[in-house]
């Protein structure tokens, strides 16, 4: 997902819509160039149970990876 050029809160909204449709075990990769987006997306992802990694991806850009973990099967 390319959210470059979008100020907050738009990258966060795009990411949350994308991860809501993400199957278990899959990952969403997002490019942003608005520094506060990384800080705004992280707590939301955590609250929703997603794993998140963020790393610099060039001049003033960040690559964010969000992964929906696989639910563990509960044995009776």
N, C-alpha and C. Protein backbone atom coordinates (compact mmCIF):
# COMPACT_ATOMS: atom_id res chain seq x y z
N UNK A 1 0.85 -1.15 0.00
CA UNK A 1 0.00 0.00 0.00
C UNK A 1 0.91 1.23 0.00
N UNK A 2 0.60 2.18 -0.83
CA UNK A 2 1.39 3.40 -0.93
C UNK A 2 0.61 4.56 -0.35
N UNK A 3 1.02 5.03 0.82
CA UNK A 3 0.35 6.15 1.47
C UNK A 3 1.25 7.38 1.48
N UNK A 4 2.26 7.40 0.60
CA UNK A 4 3.14 8.56 0.52
C UNK A 4 2.35 9.76 0.00
N UNK A 5 2.69 10.92 0.55
CA UNK A 5 2.03 12.15 0.16
C UNK A 5 0.75 12.43 0.92
N UNK A 6 0.37 11.51 1.81
CA UNK A 6 -0.85 11.68 2.60
C UNK A 6 -0.50 12.09 4.03
N UNK A 7 -1.07 13.20 4.51
CA UNK A 7 -0.84 13.58 5.90
C UNK A 7 -1.75 12.78 6.84
N UNK A 8 -1.40 12.73 8.10
CA UNK A 8 -2.26 12.06 9.09
C UNK A 8 -3.57 12.82 9.18
N UNK A 9 -4.65 12.13 9.37
CA UNK A 9 -4.79 10.73 9.76
C UNK A 9 -5.01 9.78 8.59
N UNK A 10 -4.87 10.23 7.35
CA UNK A 10 -5.21 9.39 6.20
C UNK A 10 -4.39 8.10 6.09
N UNK A 11 -3.06 8.12 6.28
CA UNK A 11 -2.34 6.83 6.23
C UNK A 11 -2.87 5.84 7.27
N UNK A 12 -3.16 6.32 8.46
CA UNK A 12 -3.67 5.44 9.52
C UNK A 12 -5.01 4.84 9.11
N UNK A 13 -5.90 5.65 8.55
CA UNK A 13 -7.21 5.14 8.13
C UNK A 13 -7.06 4.11 7.02
N UNK A 14 -6.19 4.38 6.05
CA UNK A 14 -5.97 3.43 4.96
C UNK A 14 -5.42 2.11 5.48
N UNK A 15 -4.46 2.19 6.39
CA UNK A 15 -3.86 0.99 6.95
C UNK A 15 -4.88 0.17 7.72
N UNK A 16 -5.68 0.81 8.55
CA UNK A 16 -6.65 0.07 9.36
C UNK A 16 -7.71 -0.59 8.48
N UNK A 17 -8.11 0.07 7.39
CA UNK A 17 -9.05 -0.57 6.46
C UNK A 17 -8.40 -1.77 5.79
N UNK A 18 -7.13 -1.64 5.44
CA UNK A 18 -6.41 -2.74 4.80
C UNK A 18 -6.22 -3.93 5.70
N UNK A 19 -5.85 -3.71 6.95
CA UNK A 19 -5.59 -4.84 7.85
C UNK A 19 -6.88 -5.50 8.30
N UNK A 20 -7.99 -4.77 8.30
CA UNK A 20 -9.26 -5.40 8.67
C UNK A 20 -9.63 -6.52 7.70
N UNK A 21 -9.16 -6.43 6.45
CA UNK A 21 -9.46 -7.45 5.43
C UNK A 21 -8.34 -8.49 5.31
N UNK A 22 -7.31 -8.35 6.11
CA UNK A 22 -6.14 -9.22 6.00
C UNK A 22 -6.41 -10.59 6.63
N UNK A 23 -6.20 -11.67 5.89
CA UNK A 23 -6.37 -13.01 6.47
C UNK A 23 -5.29 -13.29 7.51
N UNK A 24 -5.58 -14.22 8.40
CA UNK A 24 -4.62 -14.62 9.43
C UNK A 24 -3.31 -15.05 8.78
N UNK A 25 -2.20 -14.61 9.36
CA UNK A 25 -0.89 -14.99 8.88
C UNK A 25 -0.37 -14.13 7.74
N UNK A 26 -1.23 -13.33 7.13
CA UNK A 26 -0.79 -12.47 6.03
C UNK A 26 -0.24 -11.15 6.54
N UNK A 27 0.42 -10.45 5.64
CA UNK A 27 1.13 -9.22 5.99
C UNK A 27 0.74 -8.11 5.02
N UNK A 28 0.67 -6.90 5.53
CA UNK A 28 0.43 -5.71 4.72
C UNK A 28 1.67 -4.84 4.82
N UNK A 29 2.19 -4.43 3.68
CA UNK A 29 3.34 -3.53 3.66
C UNK A 29 2.86 -2.16 3.19
N UNK A 30 3.30 -1.13 3.91
CA UNK A 30 2.84 0.23 3.64
C UNK A 30 4.06 1.15 3.54
N UNK A 31 4.05 2.04 2.57
CA UNK A 31 5.07 3.08 2.46
C UNK A 31 4.45 4.40 2.87
N UNK A 32 5.12 5.11 3.78
CA UNK A 32 4.66 6.44 4.22
C UNK A 32 5.83 7.41 4.16
N UNK A 33 5.49 8.69 4.04
CA UNK A 33 6.53 9.72 4.07
C UNK A 33 6.16 10.83 5.05
N UNK A 34 5.20 10.54 5.91
CA UNK A 34 4.77 11.50 6.93
C UNK A 34 5.17 10.91 8.28
N UNK A 35 6.26 11.43 8.91
CA UNK A 35 6.79 10.81 10.12
C UNK A 35 5.77 10.49 11.22
N UNK A 36 4.79 11.35 11.51
CA UNK A 36 3.84 10.99 12.56
C UNK A 36 3.00 9.75 12.24
N UNK A 37 2.92 9.37 10.98
CA UNK A 37 2.11 8.20 10.63
C UNK A 37 2.62 6.94 11.33
N UNK A 38 3.93 6.79 11.42
CA UNK A 38 4.50 5.61 12.08
C UNK A 38 4.07 5.58 13.54
N UNK A 39 4.16 6.71 14.20
CA UNK A 39 3.79 6.77 15.62
C UNK A 39 2.29 6.64 15.85
N UNK A 40 1.48 7.04 14.87
CA UNK A 40 0.02 6.92 15.02
C UNK A 40 -0.47 5.50 14.72
N UNK A 41 0.19 4.83 13.79
CA UNK A 41 -0.26 3.49 13.39
C UNK A 41 0.12 2.44 14.43
N UNK A 42 1.29 2.59 15.05
CA UNK A 42 1.79 1.57 15.99
C UNK A 42 0.80 1.26 17.13
N UNK A 43 0.29 2.25 17.88
CA UNK A 43 -0.61 1.89 18.98
C UNK A 43 -1.93 1.28 18.50
N UNK A 44 -2.41 1.74 17.38
CA UNK A 44 -3.65 1.16 16.82
C UNK A 44 -3.43 -0.30 16.43
N UNK A 45 -2.31 -0.57 15.79
CA UNK A 45 -2.00 -1.93 15.38
C UNK A 45 -1.88 -2.84 16.60
N UNK A 46 -1.21 -2.35 17.62
CA UNK A 46 -1.03 -3.13 18.84
C UNK A 46 -2.37 -3.44 19.49
N UNK A 47 -3.23 -2.44 19.60
CA UNK A 47 -4.56 -2.66 20.22
C UNK A 47 -5.38 -3.67 19.44
N UNK A 48 -5.19 -3.71 18.13
CA UNK A 48 -5.96 -4.66 17.30
C UNK A 48 -5.28 -6.01 17.19
N UNK A 49 -4.13 -6.17 17.82
CA UNK A 49 -3.46 -7.47 17.86
C UNK A 49 -2.54 -7.76 16.69
N UNK A 50 -2.17 -6.73 15.92
CA UNK A 50 -1.27 -6.92 14.80
C UNK A 50 0.18 -6.74 15.23
N UNK A 51 1.08 -7.45 14.57
CA UNK A 51 2.51 -7.27 14.80
C UNK A 51 2.98 -6.23 13.81
N UNK A 52 3.85 -5.31 14.25
CA UNK A 52 4.28 -4.22 13.37
C UNK A 52 5.78 -4.04 13.43
N UNK A 53 6.35 -3.84 12.24
CA UNK A 53 7.76 -3.47 12.11
C UNK A 53 7.80 -2.22 11.23
N UNK A 54 8.67 -1.29 11.56
CA UNK A 54 8.85 -0.09 10.74
C UNK A 54 10.33 0.15 10.55
N UNK A 55 10.72 0.51 9.32
CA UNK A 55 12.12 0.78 9.04
C UNK A 55 12.22 1.88 7.99
N UNK A 56 13.32 2.63 8.02
CA UNK A 56 13.52 3.65 6.98
C UNK A 56 13.57 2.98 5.60
N UNK A 57 12.98 3.65 4.61
CA UNK A 57 12.92 3.07 3.26
C UNK A 57 13.39 4.08 2.22
N UNK A 58 14.32 4.91 2.60
CA UNK A 58 14.80 5.91 1.65
C UNK A 58 14.71 7.29 2.26
N UNK A 59 14.88 8.26 1.44
CA UNK A 59 14.91 9.64 1.87
C UNK A 59 13.55 10.10 2.40
N UNK A 60 13.43 10.13 3.73
CA UNK A 60 12.20 10.61 4.36
C UNK A 60 11.02 9.67 4.24
N UNK A 61 11.27 8.40 3.95
CA UNK A 61 10.18 7.42 3.82
C UNK A 61 10.40 6.27 4.80
N UNK A 62 9.29 5.61 5.15
CA UNK A 62 9.33 4.46 6.04
C UNK A 62 8.51 3.34 5.44
N UNK A 63 8.97 2.13 5.67
CA UNK A 63 8.25 0.92 5.27
C UNK A 63 7.70 0.32 6.55
N UNK A 64 6.40 0.16 6.57
CA UNK A 64 5.72 -0.43 7.73
C UNK A 64 5.17 -1.78 7.29
N UNK A 65 5.43 -2.80 8.10
CA UNK A 65 4.87 -4.13 7.85
C UNK A 65 3.97 -4.49 9.02
N UNK A 66 2.75 -4.82 8.69
CA UNK A 66 1.78 -5.25 9.69
C UNK A 66 1.37 -6.68 9.38
N UNK A 67 1.39 -7.52 10.40
CA UNK A 67 1.03 -8.92 10.20
C UNK A 67 -0.05 -9.32 11.18
N UNK A 68 -1.07 -9.99 10.64
CA UNK A 68 -2.13 -10.54 11.49
C UNK A 68 -1.66 -11.92 11.94
N UNK A 69 -1.46 -12.10 13.23
CA UNK A 69 -1.01 -13.42 13.70
C UNK A 69 -2.09 -14.49 13.49
N UNK A 70 -1.64 -15.72 13.45
CA UNK A 70 -2.54 -16.85 13.32
C UNK A 70 -3.08 -17.17 14.70
N UNK A 71 -4.40 -17.32 14.81
CA UNK A 71 -5.00 -17.69 16.09
C UNK A 71 -4.57 -19.11 16.47
N UNK A 72 -4.33 -19.28 17.71
CA UNK A 72 -3.95 -20.62 18.16
C UNK A 72 -5.20 -21.43 18.43
N UNK A 73 -5.14 -22.66 18.03
CA UNK A 73 -6.29 -23.54 18.20
C UNK A 73 -6.39 -23.93 19.67
N UNK A 74 -7.58 -23.80 20.20
CA UNK A 74 -7.82 -24.14 21.61
C UNK A 74 -8.27 -25.58 21.68
N UNK A 75 -7.56 -26.37 22.46
CA UNK A 75 -7.91 -27.79 22.60
C UNK A 75 -8.87 -27.93 23.78
N UNK A 76 -9.90 -28.79 23.61
CA UNK A 76 -10.87 -29.00 24.73
C UNK A 76 -10.26 -29.74 25.88
